[in-house]
């Protein structure tokens, strides 16, 4: 028998709950599935949650939108098994990827990432190339691929022993498109002794709705990226990182002129977010001194 897994889906989008049912068909008998509902469910959603609970899903309802990091922390505290797999509610993980994760954590890995394959629900506009894939939680090139929260496994026992939690001032929260709660947590887990393996040959499909390919959404996402980097004290290195991603070549890249034009556009949005967050923190610090 393989290593048992806890699999957590944190969701504030009722339309995406169908993916939880798919996970039930991809897991072993000793696995558990946790669903953290980050809103107050209405009657129709309540019926779906009741059905999932009857099928063995452990449902936790936050009661309102408390943010992705808060929900991740609830799953971390509640999971029964040592190894916890986080799956976004708009990601689909095939059985073979679940088994690859199971084998890898069984071999001692404390962090496991997989390839996040984009599944776009509309044609790509000119302002979206592989250089912006990271804003959508999907990978573009193997060279730049790292473990991200849309599908990642970690050693929950080690994390709890080290007193680690996802930072609640990061991560998506309502209309605030904050990010970095996953990579920040993983960096702390590595410092606590976890070894990491990235399974480039194992994939999860991450679906991208048409509204998330709009220019306004992507620029807003880049702006919040800047605010997130400032909160993570990584603003100094973030701009060069964003530039490298934007101009990088790869299967979904475009002509150099467009790559560099988009690099200027999105890096400017990130820089604007950094400036706003810096000013916000300065004002808060000034008020605290009064």
C-alpha atoms as a PDB file:
ATOM      1  CA  UNK A   1       0.000   0.000   0.000  1.00  0.00           C
ATOM      2  CA  UNK A   2       1.323   3.440  -0.939  1.00  0.00           C
ATOM      3  CA  UNK A   3       1.724   6.467   1.277  1.00  0.00           C
ATOM      4  CA  UNK A   4      -1.690   7.907   2.209  1.00  0.00           C
ATOM      5  CA  UNK A   5      -2.345  11.487   1.150  1.00  0.00           C
ATOM      6  CA  UNK A   6      -4.495  14.326   2.377  1.00  0.00           C
ATOM      7  CA  UNK A   7      -5.705  16.413  -0.563  1.00  0.00           C
ATOM      8  CA  UNK A   8      -7.061  19.903   0.098  1.00  0.00           C
ATOM      9  CA  UNK A   9      -9.120  22.077  -2.233  1.00  0.00           C
ATOM     10  CA  UNK A  10      -9.612  25.663  -1.047  1.00  0.00           C
ATOM     11  CA  UNK A  11     -12.436  27.326  -2.967  1.00  0.00           C
ATOM     12  CA  UNK A  12     -14.523  30.484  -3.047  1.00  0.00           C
ATOM     13  CA  UNK A  13     -15.963  29.689  -6.478  1.00  0.00           C
ATOM     14  CA  UNK A  14     -19.041  27.442  -6.307  1.00  0.00           C
ATOM     15  CA  UNK A  15     -18.935  26.783 -10.042  1.00  0.00           C
ATOM     16  CA  UNK A  16     -15.647  24.916  -9.649  1.00  0.00           C
ATOM     17  CA  UNK A  17     -16.728  22.292  -7.127  1.00  0.00           C
ATOM     18  CA  UNK A  18     -17.112  19.657  -9.827  1.00  0.00           C
ATOM     19  CA  UNK A  19     -13.351  19.149  -9.691  1.00  0.00           C
ATOM     20  CA  UNK A  20     -13.632  17.842  -6.138  1.00  0.00           C
ATOM     21  CA  UNK A  21     -15.787  14.997  -7.406  1.00  0.00           C
ATOM     22  CA  UNK A  22     -13.134  14.155  -9.991  1.00  0.00           C
ATOM     23  CA  UNK A  23     -10.549  13.871  -7.223  1.00  0.00           C
ATOM     24  CA  UNK A  24     -12.691  11.227  -5.539  1.00  0.00           C
ATOM     25  CA  UNK A  25     -12.218   9.055  -8.610  1.00  0.00           C
ATOM     26  CA  UNK A  26      -8.434   9.572  -8.639  1.00  0.00           C
ATOM     27  CA  UNK A  27      -7.522   8.759  -5.071  1.00  0.00           C
ATOM     28  CA  UNK A  28      -6.883   5.638  -3.004  1.00  0.00           C
ATOM     29  CA  UNK A  29      -9.103   4.318  -0.257  1.00  0.00           C
ATOM     30  CA  UNK A  30      -6.826   5.560   2.539  1.00  0.00           C
ATOM     31  CA  UNK A  31      -6.575   9.086   1.122  1.00  0.00           C
ATOM     32  CA  UNK A  32      -8.704  11.931   2.427  1.00  0.00           C
ATOM     33  CA  UNK A  33     -10.092  14.934   0.595  1.00  0.00           C
ATOM     34  CA  UNK A  34     -10.646  18.222   2.398  1.00  0.00           C
ATOM     35  CA  UNK A  35     -12.739  21.011   0.930  1.00  0.00           C
ATOM     36  CA  UNK A  36     -12.322  24.420   2.545  1.00  0.00           C
ATOM     37  CA  UNK A  37     -15.192  26.649   1.424  1.00  0.00           C
ATOM     38  CA  UNK A  38     -14.157  30.297   1.673  1.00  0.00           C
ATOM     39  CA  UNK A  39     -17.608  31.891   1.600  1.00  0.00           C
ATOM     40  CA  UNK A  40     -21.101  31.529   2.993  1.00  0.00           C
ATOM     41  CA  UNK A  41     -22.767  28.927   0.752  1.00  0.00           C
ATOM     42  CA  UNK A  42     -26.248  29.508  -0.608  1.00  0.00           C
ATOM     43  CA  UNK A  43     -28.975  26.828  -0.773  1.00  0.00           C
ATOM     44  CA  UNK A  44     -27.899  25.401  -4.131  1.00  0.00           C
ATOM     45  CA  UNK A  45     -24.265  25.166  -3.104  1.00  0.00           C
ATOM     46  CA  UNK A  46     -25.340  23.691   0.221  1.00  0.00           C
ATOM     47  CA  UNK A  47     -26.906  20.750  -1.597  1.00  0.00           C
ATOM     48  CA  UNK A  48     -23.687  20.114  -3.517  1.00  0.00           C
ATOM     49  CA  UNK A  49     -21.653  20.270  -0.320  1.00  0.00           C
ATOM     50  CA  UNK A  50     -24.012  17.812   1.362  1.00  0.00           C
ATOM     51  CA  UNK A  51     -23.567  15.440  -1.570  1.00  0.00           C
ATOM     52  CA  UNK A  52     -19.775  15.712  -1.424  1.00  0.00           C
ATOM     53  CA  UNK A  53     -19.791  15.138   2.332  1.00  0.00           C
ATOM     54  CA  UNK A  54     -21.907  12.026   1.824  1.00  0.00           C
ATOM     55  CA  UNK A  55     -19.237  10.772  -0.581  1.00  0.00           C
ATOM     56  CA  UNK A  56     -16.524  11.168   2.058  1.00  0.00           C
ATOM     57  CA  UNK A  57     -15.226  14.692   1.504  1.00  0.00           C
ATOM     58  CA  UNK A  58     -14.398  16.560   4.744  1.00  0.00           C
ATOM     59  CA  UNK A  59     -16.098  19.926   4.267  1.00  0.00           C
ATOM     60  CA  UNK A  60     -15.117  23.001   6.272  1.00  0.00           C
ATOM     61  CA  UNK A  61     -16.987  26.270   5.774  1.00  0.00           C
ATOM     62  CA  UNK A  62     -15.248  29.520   6.677  1.00  0.00           C
ATOM     63  CA  UNK A  63     -18.564  31.382   6.713  1.00  0.00           C
ATOM     64  CA  UNK A  64     -17.224  34.302   4.689  1.00  0.00           C
ATOM     65  CA  UNK A  65     -14.290  35.115   2.452  1.00  0.00           C
ATOM     66  CA  UNK A  66     -11.213  34.993   4.701  1.00  0.00           C
ATOM     67  CA  UNK A  67      -8.623  34.506   1.967  1.00  0.00           C
ATOM     68  CA  UNK A  68      -6.669  31.700   0.376  1.00  0.00           C
ATOM     69  CA  UNK A  69      -3.880  31.692   2.962  1.00  0.00           C
ATOM     70  CA  UNK A  70      -6.406  31.391   5.794  1.00  0.00           C
ATOM     71  CA  UNK A  71      -8.012  28.414   4.049  1.00  0.00           C
ATOM     72  CA  UNK A  72      -4.649  26.770   3.403  1.00  0.00           C
ATOM     73  CA  UNK A  73      -3.866  27.108   7.104  1.00  0.00           C
ATOM     74  CA  UNK A  74      -7.133  25.421   8.049  1.00  0.00           C
ATOM     75  CA  UNK A  75      -6.300  22.477   5.801  1.00  0.00           C
ATOM     76  CA  UNK A  76      -2.798  22.293   7.273  1.00  0.00           C
ATOM     77  CA  UNK A  77      -4.242  22.158  10.795  1.00  0.00           C
ATOM     78  CA  UNK A  78      -6.960  19.625   9.990  1.00  0.00           C
ATOM     79  CA  UNK A  79      -5.288  17.082   7.694  1.00  0.00           C
ATOM     80  CA  UNK A  80      -4.886  13.589   9.133  1.00  0.00           C
ATOM     81  CA  UNK A  81      -1.948  12.393   7.071  1.00  0.00           C
ATOM     82  CA  UNK A  82       1.666  13.511   7.087  1.00  0.00           C
ATOM     83  CA  UNK A  83       1.640  14.497   3.423  1.00  0.00           C
ATOM     84  CA  UNK A  84      -0.759  17.190   2.227  1.00  0.00           C
ATOM     85  CA  UNK A  85      -1.477  17.975  -1.422  1.00  0.00           C
ATOM     86  CA  UNK A  86      -2.996  21.348  -2.291  1.00  0.00           C
ATOM     87  CA  UNK A  87      -5.045  21.511  -5.487  1.00  0.00           C
ATOM     88  CA  UNK A  88      -6.687  24.671  -6.839  1.00  0.00           C
ATOM     89  CA  UNK A  89     -10.398  24.405  -7.513  1.00  0.00           C
ATOM     90  CA  UNK A  90      -9.789  25.116 -11.220  1.00  0.00           C
ATOM     91  CA  UNK A  91      -7.063  22.478 -11.583  1.00  0.00           C
ATOM     92  CA  UNK A  92      -7.526  18.860 -12.639  1.00  0.00           C
ATOM     93  CA  UNK A  93      -4.990  16.314 -11.446  1.00  0.00           C
ATOM     94  CA  UNK A  94      -5.013  12.956 -13.272  1.00  0.00           C
ATOM     95  CA  UNK A  95      -4.581   9.693 -11.321  1.00  0.00           C
ATOM     96  CA  UNK A  96      -1.069   9.130 -12.673  1.00  0.00           C
ATOM     97  CA  UNK A  97       0.070  12.489 -11.258  1.00  0.00           C
ATOM     98  CA  UNK A  98      -1.455  11.679  -7.875  1.00  0.00           C
ATOM     99  CA  UNK A  99       0.463   8.395  -7.891  1.00  0.00           C
ATOM    100  CA  UNK A 100       3.710  10.126  -8.907  1.00  0.00           C
ATOM    101  CA  UNK A 101       3.299  12.515  -5.972  1.00  0.00           C
ATOM    102  CA  UNK A 102       2.535   9.589  -3.671  1.00  0.00           C
ATOM    103  CA  UNK A 103       5.692   7.742  -4.734  1.00  0.00           C
ATOM    104  CA  UNK A 104       7.832  10.865  -4.375  1.00  0.00           C
ATOM    105  CA  UNK A 105       6.713  11.758  -0.859  1.00  0.00           C
ATOM    106  CA  UNK A 106       7.069   8.081   0.019  1.00  0.00           C
ATOM    107  CA  UNK A 107      10.715   8.361  -1.007  1.00  0.00           C
ATOM    108  CA  UNK A 108      11.204  11.171   1.519  1.00  0.00           C
ATOM    109  CA  UNK A 109      10.532  14.408  -0.367  1.00  0.00           C
ATOM    110  CA  UNK A 110       9.077  17.120   1.848  1.00  0.00           C
ATOM    111  CA  UNK A 111       7.968  19.315  -1.062  1.00  0.00           C
ATOM    112  CA  UNK A 112       6.744  18.113  -4.455  1.00  0.00           C
ATOM    113  CA  UNK A 113       5.784  20.262  -7.428  1.00  0.00           C
ATOM    114  CA  UNK A 114       4.389  19.251 -10.809  1.00  0.00           C
ATOM    115  CA  UNK A 115       4.125  20.791 -14.244  1.00  0.00           C
ATOM    116  CA  UNK A 116       1.072  23.094 -14.440  1.00  0.00           C
ATOM    117  CA  UNK A 117      -0.246  22.855 -17.986  1.00  0.00           C
ATOM    118  CA  UNK A 118      -2.436  25.750 -19.183  1.00  0.00           C
ATOM    119  CA  UNK A 119      -5.930  25.009 -20.435  1.00  0.00           C
ATOM    120  CA  UNK A 120      -7.247  28.263 -21.851  1.00  0.00           C
ATOM    121  CA  UNK A 121     -10.990  28.650 -22.319  1.00  0.00           C
ATOM    122  CA  UNK A 122     -10.611  31.255 -25.062  1.00  0.00           C
ATOM    123  CA  UNK A 123      -8.179  32.273 -27.779  1.00  0.00           C
ATOM    124  CA  UNK A 124      -5.103  34.087 -26.509  1.00  0.00           C
ATOM    125  CA  UNK A 125      -5.077  37.847 -27.141  1.00  0.00           C
ATOM    126  CA  UNK A 126      -1.957  39.642 -28.332  1.00  0.00           C
ATOM    127  CA  UNK A 127      -1.176  40.933 -24.833  1.00  0.00           C
ATOM    128  CA  UNK A 128      -0.844  37.443 -23.366  1.00  0.00           C
ATOM    129  CA  UNK A 129       2.181  35.295 -24.185  1.00  0.00           C
ATOM    130  CA  UNK A 130       4.201  32.767 -22.228  1.00  0.00           C
ATOM    131  CA  UNK A 131       5.880  35.654 -20.441  1.00  0.00           C
ATOM    132  CA  UNK A 132       2.676  36.313 -18.528  1.00  0.00           C
ATOM    133  CA  UNK A 133       1.740  32.704 -17.766  1.00  0.00           C
ATOM    134  CA  UNK A 134       2.965  32.993 -14.176  1.00  0.00           C
ATOM    135  CA  UNK A 135       0.236  35.551 -13.440  1.00  0.00           C
ATOM    136  CA  UNK A 136      -2.234  32.747 -14.171  1.00  0.00           C
ATOM    137  CA  UNK A 137      -0.505  29.999 -12.195  1.00  0.00           C
ATOM    138  CA  UNK A 138       0.658  27.986 -15.211  1.00  0.00           C
ATOM    139  CA  UNK A 139       4.157  27.117 -16.362  1.00  0.00           C
ATOM    140  CA  UNK A 140       5.764  28.202 -19.611  1.00  0.00           C
ATOM    141  CA  UNK A 141       9.272  26.717 -19.734  1.00  0.00           C
ATOM    142  CA  UNK A 142      10.903  23.946 -17.727  1.00  0.00           C
ATOM    143  CA  UNK A 143      13.894  26.195 -16.991  1.00  0.00           C
ATOM    144  CA  UNK A 144      11.704  28.669 -15.092  1.00  0.00           C
ATOM    145  CA  UNK A 145       9.246  26.164 -13.621  1.00  0.00           C
ATOM    146  CA  UNK A 146       9.036  25.951  -9.832  1.00  0.00           C
ATOM    147  CA  UNK A 147       6.588  24.496  -7.311  1.00  0.00           C
ATOM    148  CA  UNK A 148       3.364  26.508  -7.157  1.00  0.00           C
ATOM    149  CA  UNK A 149       0.216  26.180  -5.099  1.00  0.00           C
ATOM    150  CA  UNK A 150      -2.153  25.116  -7.889  1.00  0.00           C
ATOM    151  CA  UNK A 151      -0.833  21.598  -7.308  1.00  0.00           C
ATOM    152  CA  UNK A 152       1.833  21.002  -4.693  1.00  0.00           C
ATOM    153  CA  UNK A 153       2.531  18.516  -1.912  1.00  0.00           C
ATOM    154  CA  UNK A 154       4.263  19.169   1.363  1.00  0.00           C
ATOM    155  CA  UNK A 155       5.172  17.519   4.630  1.00  0.00           C
ATOM    156  CA  UNK A 156       2.417  18.813   6.912  1.00  0.00           C
ATOM    157  CA  UNK A 157       3.912  17.179  10.003  1.00  0.00           C
ATOM    158  CA  UNK A 158       7.233  18.969   9.521  1.00  0.00           C
ATOM    159  CA  UNK A 159       5.438  22.245   8.870  1.00  0.00           C
ATOM    160  CA  UNK A 160       3.424  21.962  12.076  1.00  0.00           C
ATOM    161  CA  UNK A 161       6.472  20.942  14.098  1.00  0.00           C
ATOM    162  CA  UNK A 162       8.281  24.019  12.799  1.00  0.00           C
ATOM    163  CA  UNK A 163       5.293  26.225  13.617  1.00  0.00           C
ATOM    164  CA  UNK A 164       4.869  27.337  10.005  1.00  0.00           C
ATOM    165  CA  UNK A 165       1.746  28.905   8.564  1.00  0.00           C
ATOM    166  CA  UNK A 166       0.824  30.572   5.298  1.00  0.00           C
ATOM    167  CA  UNK A 167       1.046  34.341   5.678  1.00  0.00           C
ATOM    168  CA  UNK A 168      -2.486  35.738   5.668  1.00  0.00           C
ATOM    169  CA  UNK A 169      -1.372  39.126   4.330  1.00  0.00           C
ATOM    170  CA  UNK A 170      -0.477  37.278   1.124  1.00  0.00           C
ATOM    171  CA  UNK A 171      -2.627  35.135  -1.134  1.00  0.00           C
ATOM    172  CA  UNK A 172      -5.864  35.879  -2.978  1.00  0.00           C
ATOM    173  CA  UNK A 173      -8.480  37.545  -0.778  1.00  0.00           C
ATOM    174  CA  UNK A 174     -11.707  38.737  -2.365  1.00  0.00           C
ATOM    175  CA  UNK A 175     -10.870  41.201  -5.142  1.00  0.00           C
ATOM    176  CA  UNK A 176      -7.301  41.599  -3.881  1.00  0.00           C
ATOM    177  CA  UNK A 177      -5.185  39.463  -6.222  1.00  0.00           C
ATOM    178  CA  UNK A 178      -2.318  39.017  -3.799  1.00  0.00           C
ATOM    179  CA  UNK A 179       0.094  36.138  -4.312  1.00  0.00           C
ATOM    180  CA  UNK A 180       3.231  34.530  -2.975  1.00  0.00           C
ATOM    181  CA  UNK A 181       1.753  32.819   0.075  1.00  0.00           C
ATOM    182  CA  UNK A 182       2.697  29.449  -1.422  1.00  0.00           C
ATOM    183  CA  UNK A 183       6.302  30.174  -2.440  1.00  0.00           C
ATOM    184  CA  UNK A 184       6.967  32.070   0.792  1.00  0.00           C
ATOM    185  CA  UNK A 185       5.713  29.126   2.835  1.00  0.00           C
ATOM    186  CA  UNK A 186       7.765  26.647   0.804  1.00  0.00           C
ATOM    187  CA  UNK A 187      10.923  28.704   1.327  1.00  0.00           C
ATOM    188  CA  UNK A 188      10.342  28.544   5.084  1.00  0.00           C
ATOM    189  CA  UNK A 189       9.676  24.802   4.874  1.00  0.00           C
ATOM    190  CA  UNK A 190      12.943  24.268   3.007  1.00  0.00           C
ATOM    191  CA  UNK A 191      14.771  26.157   5.748  1.00  0.00           C
ATOM    192  CA  UNK A 192      13.104  23.809   8.244  1.00  0.00           C
ATOM    193  CA  UNK A 193      14.766  20.860   6.492  1.00  0.00           C
ATOM    194  CA  UNK A 194      12.370  19.772   3.744  1.00  0.00           C
ATOM    195  CA  UNK A 195      13.851  18.422   0.531  1.00  0.00           C
ATOM    196  CA  UNK A 196      12.146  19.348  -2.721  1.00  0.00           C
ATOM    197  CA  UNK A 197      11.499  17.554  -5.985  1.00  0.00           C
ATOM    198  CA  UNK A 198       9.867  19.025  -9.058  1.00  0.00           C
ATOM    199  CA  UNK A 199       8.224  16.439 -11.322  1.00  0.00           C
ATOM    200  CA  UNK A 200       8.488  18.009 -14.761  1.00  0.00           C
ATOM    201  CA  UNK A 201       7.200  14.775 -16.296  1.00  0.00           C
ATOM    202  CA  UNK A 202       3.986  14.799 -14.251  1.00  0.00           C
ATOM    203  CA  UNK A 203       1.309  17.383 -14.975  1.00  0.00           C
ATOM    204  CA  UNK A 204      -1.872  18.921 -13.669  1.00  0.00           C
ATOM    205  CA  UNK A 205      -4.178  20.882 -15.953  1.00  0.00           C
ATOM    206  CA  UNK A 206      -4.876  24.411 -14.730  1.00  0.00           C
ATOM    207  CA  UNK A 207      -7.931  25.895 -16.430  1.00  0.00           C
ATOM    208  CA  UNK A 208      -7.899  29.610 -17.252  1.00  0.00           C
ATOM    209  CA  UNK A 209     -11.277  31.259 -17.794  1.00  0.00           C
ATOM    210  CA  UNK A 210     -11.766  33.871 -20.498  1.00  0.00           C
ATOM    211  CA  UNK A 211     -12.167  36.719 -18.014  1.00  0.00           C
ATOM    212  CA  UNK A 212      -8.660  36.082 -16.681  1.00  0.00           C
ATOM    213  CA  UNK A 213      -7.117  36.705 -20.113  1.00  0.00           C
ATOM    214  CA  UNK A 214      -8.469  40.266 -20.309  1.00  0.00           C
ATOM    215  CA  UNK A 215      -5.809  42.982 -20.343  1.00  0.00           C
ATOM    216  CA  UNK A 216      -7.419  44.768 -17.395  1.00  0.00           C
ATOM    217  CA  UNK A 217      -7.275  41.606 -15.284  1.00  0.00           C
ATOM    218  CA  UNK A 218      -3.661  40.818 -16.186  1.00  0.00           C
ATOM    219  CA  UNK A 219      -2.475  44.347 -15.439  1.00  0.00           C
ATOM    220  CA  UNK A 220      -4.348  44.283 -12.149  1.00  0.00           C
ATOM    221  CA  UNK A 221      -2.755  40.924 -11.377  1.00  0.00           C
ATOM    222  CA  UNK A 222       0.702  42.358 -12.155  1.00  0.00           C
ATOM    223  CA  UNK A 223      -0.049  45.386  -9.949  1.00  0.00           C
ATOM    224  CA  UNK A 224      -0.955  43.114  -7.046  1.00  0.00           C
ATOM    225  CA  UNK A 225       2.200  41.125  -7.781  1.00  0.00           C
ATOM    226  CA  UNK A 226       4.154  44.261  -6.989  1.00  0.00           C
ATOM    227  CA  UNK A 227       2.280  44.788  -3.732  1.00  0.00           C
ATOM    228  CA  UNK A 228       2.863  41.139  -2.803  1.00  0.00           C
ATOM    229  CA  UNK A 229       6.587  41.380  -3.500  1.00  0.00           C
ATOM    230  CA  UNK A 230       6.805  44.470  -1.313  1.00  0.00           C
ATOM    231  CA  UNK A 231       5.057  42.625   1.512  1.00  0.00           C
ATOM    232  CA  UNK A 232       7.504  39.744   1.081  1.00  0.00           C
ATOM    233  CA  UNK A 233      10.465  42.166   1.235  1.00  0.00           C
ATOM    234  CA  UNK A 234      11.444  41.041  -2.262  1.00  0.00           C
ATOM    235  CA  UNK A 235      10.745  44.217  -4.228  1.00  0.00           C
ATOM    236  CA  UNK A 236      14.397  44.821  -5.134  1.00  0.00           C
ATOM    237  CA  UNK A 237      14.802  41.536  -7.012  1.00  0.00           C
ATOM    238  CA  UNK A 238      11.235  41.210  -8.268  1.00  0.00           C
ATOM    239  CA  UNK A 239      11.493  43.668 -11.164  1.00  0.00           C
ATOM    240  CA  UNK A 240      14.433  41.888 -12.766  1.00  0.00           C
ATOM    241  CA  UNK A 241      12.640  38.567 -12.247  1.00  0.00           C
ATOM    242  CA  UNK A 242       9.500  39.902 -13.943  1.00  0.00           C
ATOM    243  CA  UNK A 243      11.551  41.259 -16.830  1.00  0.00           C
ATOM    244  CA  UNK A 244      13.340  37.948 -17.408  1.00  0.00           C
ATOM    245  CA  UNK A 245      10.040  36.090 -17.468  1.00  0.00           C
ATOM    246  CA  UNK A 246       8.450  38.548 -19.877  1.00  0.00           C
ATOM    247  CA  UNK A 247      11.258  38.461 -22.464  1.00  0.00           C
ATOM    248  CA  UNK A 248      12.043  34.748 -22.185  1.00  0.00           C
ATOM    249  CA  UNK A 249      11.683  32.530 -25.211  1.00  0.00           C
ATOM    250  CA  UNK A 250       9.663  29.326 -25.164  1.00  0.00           C
ATOM    251  CA  UNK A 251       6.768  27.502 -26.828  1.00  0.00           C
ATOM    252  CA  UNK A 252       4.244  30.306 -26.195  1.00  0.00           C
ATOM    253  CA  UNK A 253       6.584  33.250 -26.740  1.00  0.00           C
ATOM    254  CA  UNK A 254       6.248  35.694 -29.597  1.00  0.00           C
ATOM    255  CA  UNK A 255       8.425  37.984 -31.706  1.00  0.00           C
ATOM    256  CA  UNK A 256      11.080  39.963 -29.797  1.00  0.00           C
ATOM    257  CA  UNK A 257       9.415  43.321 -30.424  1.00  0.00           C
ATOM    258  CA  UNK A 258       6.164  42.228 -28.815  1.00  0.00           C
ATOM    259  CA  UNK A 259       7.954  40.451 -25.956  1.00  0.00           C
ATOM    260  CA  UNK A 260       9.867  43.588 -25.016  1.00  0.00           C
ATOM    261  CA  UNK A 261       6.797  45.803 -25.424  1.00  0.00           C
ATOM    262  CA  UNK A 262       4.843  43.564 -23.054  1.00  0.00           C
ATOM    263  CA  UNK A 263       7.805  43.417 -20.681  1.00  0.00           C
ATOM    264  CA  UNK A 264       7.721  47.198 -20.341  1.00  0.00           C
ATOM    265  CA  UNK A 265       3.932  47.179 -19.864  1.00  0.00           C
ATOM    266  CA  UNK A 266       3.777  44.508 -17.179  1.00  0.00           C
ATOM    267  CA  UNK A 267       6.955  45.460 -15.319  1.00  0.00           C
ATOM    268  CA  UNK A 268       5.590  49.004 -15.102  1.00  0.00           C
ATOM    269  CA  UNK A 269       2.409  47.593 -13.532  1.00  0.00           C
ATOM    270  CA  UNK A 270       4.464  45.616 -11.025  1.00  0.00           C
ATOM    271  CA  UNK A 271       6.577  48.674 -10.207  1.00  0.00           C
ATOM    272  CA  UNK A 272       3.414  50.716  -9.669  1.00  0.00           C
ATOM    273  CA  UNK A 273       2.178  48.127  -7.189  1.00  0.00           C
ATOM    274  CA  UNK A 274       5.484  48.271  -5.320  1.00  0.00           C
ATOM    275  CA  UNK A 275       5.270  52.066  -5.045  1.00  0.00           C
ATOM    276  CA  UNK A 276       1.663  51.961  -3.793  1.00  0.00           C
ATOM    277  CA  UNK A 277       2.460  49.302  -1.201  1.00  0.00           C
ATOM    278  CA  UNK A 278       5.542  51.199  -0.048  1.00  0.00           C
ATOM    279  CA  UNK A 279       3.471  54.351   0.392  1.00  0.00           C
ATOM    280  CA  UNK A 280       0.727  52.429   2.194  1.00  0.00           C
ATOM    281  CA  UNK A 281       3.219  50.911   4.617  1.00  0.00           C
ATOM    282  CA  UNK A 282       4.870  54.297   5.198  1.00  0.00           C
ATOM    283  CA  UNK A 283       1.529  55.895   6.045  1.00  0.00           C
ATOM    284  CA  UNK A 284       0.630  53.039   8.390  1.00  0.00           C
ATOM    285  CA  UNK A 285       4.002  53.290  10.118  1.00  0.00           C
ATOM    286  CA  UNK A 286       3.566  57.051  10.531  1.00  0.00           C
ATOM    287  CA  UNK A 287       0.160  56.623  12.103  1.00  0.00           C
ATOM    288  CA  UNK A 288       1.566  54.028  14.462  1.00  0.00           C
ATOM    289  CA  UNK A 289       4.083  56.551  15.743  1.00  0.00           C
ATOM    290  CA  UNK A 290       1.452  59.164  16.573  1.00  0.00           C
END
